[in-house]
C-alpha atoms as a PDB file:
ATOM      1  CA  UNK A   1     108.047 122.620 119.674  1.00  0.00           C
ATOM      2  CA  UNK A   2     109.992 123.915 116.680  1.00  0.00           C
ATOM      3  CA  UNK A   3     113.672 124.262 115.964  1.00  0.00           C
ATOM      4  CA  UNK A   4     115.398 127.508 114.885  1.00  0.00           C
ATOM      5  CA  UNK A   5     114.179 126.998 111.289  1.00  0.00           C
ATOM      6  CA  UNK A   6     110.537 126.641 112.323  1.00  0.00           C
ATOM      7  CA  UNK A   7     110.459 122.891 111.718  1.00  0.00           C
ATOM      8  CA  UNK A   8     108.259 120.978 114.163  1.00  0.00           C
ATOM      9  CA  UNK A   9     110.492 118.687 116.213  1.00  0.00           C
ATOM     10  CA  UNK A  10     108.078 117.671 118.981  1.00  0.00           C
ATOM     11  CA  UNK A  11     104.315 117.174 118.998  1.00  0.00           C
ATOM     12  CA  UNK A  12     102.384 115.412 121.716  1.00  0.00           C
ATOM     13  CA  UNK A  13      99.836 116.208 124.428  1.00  0.00           C
ATOM     14  CA  UNK A  14     101.027 118.793 126.942  1.00  0.00           C
ATOM     15  CA  UNK A  15     100.464 116.265 129.706  1.00  0.00           C
ATOM     16  CA  UNK A  16     103.039 113.815 128.321  1.00  0.00           C
ATOM     17  CA  UNK A  17     106.361 113.479 130.102  1.00  0.00           C
ATOM     18  CA  UNK A  18     108.332 114.456 126.989  1.00  0.00           C
ATOM     19  CA  UNK A  19     106.195 117.592 126.520  1.00  0.00           C
ATOM     20  CA  UNK A  20     106.642 118.605 130.134  1.00  0.00           C
ATOM     21  CA  UNK A  21     110.429 118.693 129.595  1.00  0.00           C
ATOM     22  CA  UNK A  22     110.038 120.966 126.558  1.00  0.00           C
ATOM     23  CA  UNK A  23     107.438 123.229 128.181  1.00  0.00           C
ATOM     24  CA  UNK A  24     109.905 124.346 130.806  1.00  0.00           C
ATOM     25  CA  UNK A  25     112.777 124.790 128.338  1.00  0.00           C
ATOM     26  CA  UNK A  26     111.171 126.937 125.625  1.00  0.00           C
ATOM     27  CA  UNK A  27     108.174 128.960 124.590  1.00  0.00           C
ATOM     28  CA  UNK A  28     105.041 126.963 123.851  1.00  0.00           C
ATOM     29  CA  UNK A  29     102.488 127.561 121.101  1.00  0.00           C
ATOM     30  CA  UNK A  30      99.059 126.413 122.212  1.00  0.00           C
ATOM     31  CA  UNK A  31      96.684 125.447 119.439  1.00  0.00           C
ATOM     32  CA  UNK A  32      93.155 126.660 120.245  1.00  0.00           C
ATOM     33  CA  UNK A  33      90.404 124.095 120.738  1.00  0.00           C
ATOM     34  CA  UNK A  34      88.804 123.183 117.420  1.00  0.00           C
ATOM     35  CA  UNK A  35      92.017 123.927 115.515  1.00  0.00           C
ATOM     36  CA  UNK A  36      94.297 121.413 113.879  1.00  0.00           C
ATOM     37  CA  UNK A  37      97.750 121.100 112.355  1.00  0.00           C
ATOM     38  CA  UNK A  38      97.743 120.552 108.632  1.00  0.00           C
ATOM     39  CA  UNK A  39     100.817 118.689 107.363  1.00  0.00           C
ATOM     40  CA  UNK A  40     102.525 119.469 104.085  1.00  0.00           C
ATOM     41  CA  UNK A  41     101.086 117.983 100.929  1.00  0.00           C
ATOM     42  CA  UNK A  42     102.700 114.738  99.752  1.00  0.00           C
ATOM     43  CA  UNK A  43     102.523 114.114  96.006  1.00  0.00           C
ATOM     44  CA  UNK A  44     103.386 110.484  95.512  1.00  0.00           C
ATOM     45  CA  UNK A  45     103.569 110.518  91.724  1.00  0.00           C
ATOM     46  CA  UNK A  46     104.685 113.478  89.602  1.00  0.00           C
ATOM     47  CA  UNK A  47     106.164 113.563  86.102  1.00  0.00           C
ATOM     48  CA  UNK A  48     108.233 116.714  85.758  1.00  0.00           C
ATOM     49  CA  UNK A  49     107.749 117.133  81.972  1.00  0.00           C
ATOM     50  CA  UNK A  50     103.983 117.316  82.467  1.00  0.00           C
ATOM     51  CA  UNK A  51     104.472 120.478  84.542  1.00  0.00           C
ATOM     52  CA  UNK A  52     104.994 122.391  81.291  1.00  0.00           C
ATOM     53  CA  UNK A  53     101.380 121.728  80.266  1.00  0.00           C
ATOM     54  CA  UNK A  54      99.677 121.879  83.638  1.00  0.00           C
ATOM     55  CA  UNK A  55      96.038 122.901  83.268  1.00  0.00           C
ATOM     56  CA  UNK A  56      95.851 122.323  79.502  1.00  0.00           C
ATOM     57  CA  UNK A  57      93.799 119.770  77.603  1.00  0.00           C
ATOM     58  CA  UNK A  58      91.502 119.146  80.543  1.00  0.00           C
ATOM     59  CA  UNK A  59      88.776 118.085  78.123  1.00  0.00           C
ATOM     60  CA  UNK A  60      90.865 115.156  76.876  1.00  0.00           C
ATOM     61  CA  UNK A  61      90.976 111.577  78.117  1.00  0.00           C
ATOM     62  CA  UNK A  62      94.293 110.748  79.792  1.00  0.00           C
ATOM     63  CA  UNK A  63      95.899 108.867  76.895  1.00  0.00           C
ATOM     64  CA  UNK A  64      95.048 111.641  74.419  1.00  0.00           C
ATOM     65  CA  UNK A  65      96.445 114.238  76.806  1.00  0.00           C
ATOM     66  CA  UNK A  66      99.632 112.216  77.187  1.00  0.00           C
ATOM     67  CA  UNK A  67      99.977 111.919  73.390  1.00  0.00           C
ATOM     68  CA  UNK A  68      99.169 115.575  72.709  1.00  0.00           C
ATOM     69  CA  UNK A  69     101.105 117.202  75.538  1.00  0.00           C
ATOM     70  CA  UNK A  70     103.106 115.118  77.988  1.00  0.00           C
ATOM     71  CA  UNK A  71     105.139 112.963  75.616  1.00  0.00           C
ATOM     72  CA  UNK A  72     105.965 115.995  73.456  1.00  0.00           C
ATOM     73  CA  UNK A  73     107.094 117.861  76.554  1.00  0.00           C
ATOM     74  CA  UNK A  74     109.353 114.993  77.534  1.00  0.00           C
ATOM     75  CA  UNK A  75     110.868 114.903  74.048  1.00  0.00           C
ATOM     76  CA  UNK A  76     111.526 118.659  74.107  1.00  0.00           C
ATOM     77  CA  UNK A  77     113.242 118.398  77.495  1.00  0.00           C
ATOM     78  CA  UNK A  78     115.331 115.489  76.226  1.00  0.00           C
ATOM     79  CA  UNK A  79     116.453 117.612  73.260  1.00  0.00           C
ATOM     80  CA  UNK A  80     117.160 120.739  75.300  1.00  0.00           C
ATOM     81  CA  UNK A  81     118.952 120.306  78.654  1.00  0.00           C
ATOM     82  CA  UNK A  82     118.843 124.087  79.251  1.00  0.00           C
ATOM     83  CA  UNK A  83     115.056 124.033  78.988  1.00  0.00           C
ATOM     84  CA  UNK A  84     114.982 120.986  81.271  1.00  0.00           C
ATOM     85  CA  UNK A  85     117.017 122.855  83.884  1.00  0.00           C
ATOM     86  CA  UNK A  86     114.685 125.863  83.684  1.00  0.00           C
ATOM     87  CA  UNK A  87     111.519 123.725  83.915  1.00  0.00           C
ATOM     88  CA  UNK A  88     112.797 121.518  86.753  1.00  0.00           C
ATOM     89  CA  UNK A  89     113.938 124.521  88.796  1.00  0.00           C
ATOM     90  CA  UNK A  90     110.581 126.246  88.340  1.00  0.00           C
ATOM     91  CA  UNK A  91     108.779 123.039  89.272  1.00  0.00           C
ATOM     92  CA  UNK A  92     110.837 122.740  92.461  1.00  0.00           C
ATOM     93  CA  UNK A  93     110.054 126.363  93.364  1.00  0.00           C
ATOM     94  CA  UNK A  94     106.328 125.800  92.764  1.00  0.00           C
ATOM     95  CA  UNK A  95     106.279 122.638  94.887  1.00  0.00           C
ATOM     96  CA  UNK A  96     107.901 124.523  97.753  1.00  0.00           C
ATOM     97  CA  UNK A  97     105.543 127.506  97.347  1.00  0.00           C
ATOM     98  CA  UNK A  98     102.429 125.345  97.591  1.00  0.00           C
ATOM     99  CA  UNK A  99     103.699 123.391 100.589  1.00  0.00           C
ATOM    100  CA  UNK A 100     104.648 120.075  99.040  1.00  0.00           C
ATOM    101  CA  UNK A 101     106.734 118.308 101.657  1.00  0.00           C
ATOM    102  CA  UNK A 102     107.509 115.137  99.719  1.00  0.00           C
ATOM    103  CA  UNK A 103     107.193 113.994  96.135  1.00  0.00           C
ATOM    104  CA  UNK A 104     108.083 110.961  94.022  1.00  0.00           C
ATOM    105  CA  UNK A 105     109.399 112.819  90.987  1.00  0.00           C
ATOM    106  CA  UNK A 106     109.968 111.314  87.567  1.00  0.00           C
ATOM    107  CA  UNK A 107     112.125 113.079  84.991  1.00  0.00           C
ATOM    108  CA  UNK A 108     112.733 112.128  81.394  1.00  0.00           C
ATOM    109  CA  UNK A 109     114.171 109.117  79.627  1.00  0.00           C
ATOM    110  CA  UNK A 110     117.498 110.736  78.702  1.00  0.00           C
ATOM    111  CA  UNK A 111     120.152 110.534  81.399  1.00  0.00           C
ATOM    112  CA  UNK A 112     121.532 114.010  80.603  1.00  0.00           C
ATOM    113  CA  UNK A 113     118.272 115.754  81.467  1.00  0.00           C
ATOM    114  CA  UNK A 114     117.432 113.900  84.655  1.00  0.00           C
END
């Protein structure tokens, strides 16, 4: 069962007592045999400044990539709060577009740009 926004608020076998109450109160979406529900993606560790260089330096070991791209991105966001706002907003839009339901998000060192 979903609410008015399309958010799933009840999920259990149709034979359960709680489902039986909902079945008679609203429309029911039956998932065909062999189908499954796929939950949103949960990214448990994301550094926002690294979003600026997503997909670059893939040939580099992690520490070299951090030195060449990620740390420089963090420094540029620390120096430019307007850029930080633009990057963080775009990152949030992208996470929503790709179905990320939860994320542990890290910003930068400077308080003003977090």
